[in-house]
Amino acid sequence: MKKILIIVAFFILSFVVSCGYKFSGGGLLPGKTKLVAVKMFENKTSESGAETIFANA
């Protein structure tokens, strides 16, 4: 009985403290697409490091 109580408590605790992260959208890419890439941003502004801010976002 004590072992079952510990297992149930573990599952309840793990459910309560979970972060809730999930992937949205999902599904397959169209056609035979296997990879999607984004070219590195080029900073054409006078703001130093702007490309890094946008790339990290």
Protein backbone atom coordinates (compact mmCIF):
# COMPACT_ATOMS: atom_id res chain seq x y z
CA MET A 1 0.00 0.00 0.00
CA LYS A 2 2.84 2.40 0.87
CA LYS A 3 4.55 1.73 -2.48
CA ILE A 4 1.35 2.55 -4.40
CA LEU A 5 0.92 5.76 -2.40
CA ILE A 6 4.49 6.83 -3.24
CA ILE A 7 3.94 6.14 -6.95
CA VAL A 8 0.65 8.08 -6.99
CA ALA A 9 2.27 10.99 -5.11
CA PHE A 10 5.13 11.01 -7.64
CA PHE A 11 2.74 11.25 -10.59
CA ILE A 12 0.66 13.97 -8.95
CA LEU A 13 3.78 15.95 -8.06
CA SER A 14 5.24 15.61 -11.57
CA PHE A 15 1.92 16.77 -13.08
CA VAL A 16 1.73 19.80 -10.80
CA VAL A 17 5.32 20.99 -11.37
CA SER A 18 5.49 20.34 -15.11
CA CYS A 19 6.36 23.41 -17.18
CA GLY A 20 3.59 22.98 -19.75
CA TYR A 21 5.94 23.34 -22.74
CA LYS A 22 4.53 21.95 -25.97
CA PHE A 23 5.04 22.23 -29.69
CA SER A 24 2.34 24.14 -31.52
CA GLY A 25 1.24 23.49 -35.06
CA GLY A 26 2.95 20.24 -35.81
CA GLY A 27 2.28 18.15 -38.86
CA LEU A 28 4.47 17.34 -41.80
CA LEU A 29 6.29 19.80 -44.02
CA PRO A 30 4.81 20.13 -47.52
CA GLY A 31 6.14 17.92 -50.30
CA LYS A 32 9.52 16.30 -49.74
CA THR A 33 10.82 19.17 -47.60
CA LYS A 34 13.14 17.90 -44.88
CA LEU A 35 14.91 21.07 -43.71
CA VAL A 36 14.00 24.71 -43.25
CA ALA A 37 16.81 27.21 -42.77
CA VAL A 38 16.93 30.97 -42.24
CA LYS A 39 19.86 32.94 -43.61
CA MET A 40 21.79 34.98 -41.01
CA PHE A 41 20.46 38.52 -40.74
CA GLU A 42 22.60 41.31 -42.13
CA ASN A 43 22.69 44.48 -40.06
CA LYS A 44 22.12 47.46 -42.37
CA THR A 45 21.26 49.83 -39.52
CA SER A 46 23.37 52.06 -37.35
CA GLU A 47 22.41 49.95 -34.29
CA SER A 48 25.36 47.82 -33.19
CA GLY A 49 24.40 44.18 -32.59
CA ALA A 50 20.83 44.48 -33.92
CA GLU A 51 21.22 41.31 -36.01
CA THR A 52 22.01 39.31 -32.87
CA ILE A 53 18.92 40.62 -31.08
CA PHE A 54 16.66 39.59 -33.98
CA ALA A 55 18.41 36.24 -34.52
CA ASN A 56 18.08 35.30 -30.86
CA ALA A 57 14.42 36.28 -30.76
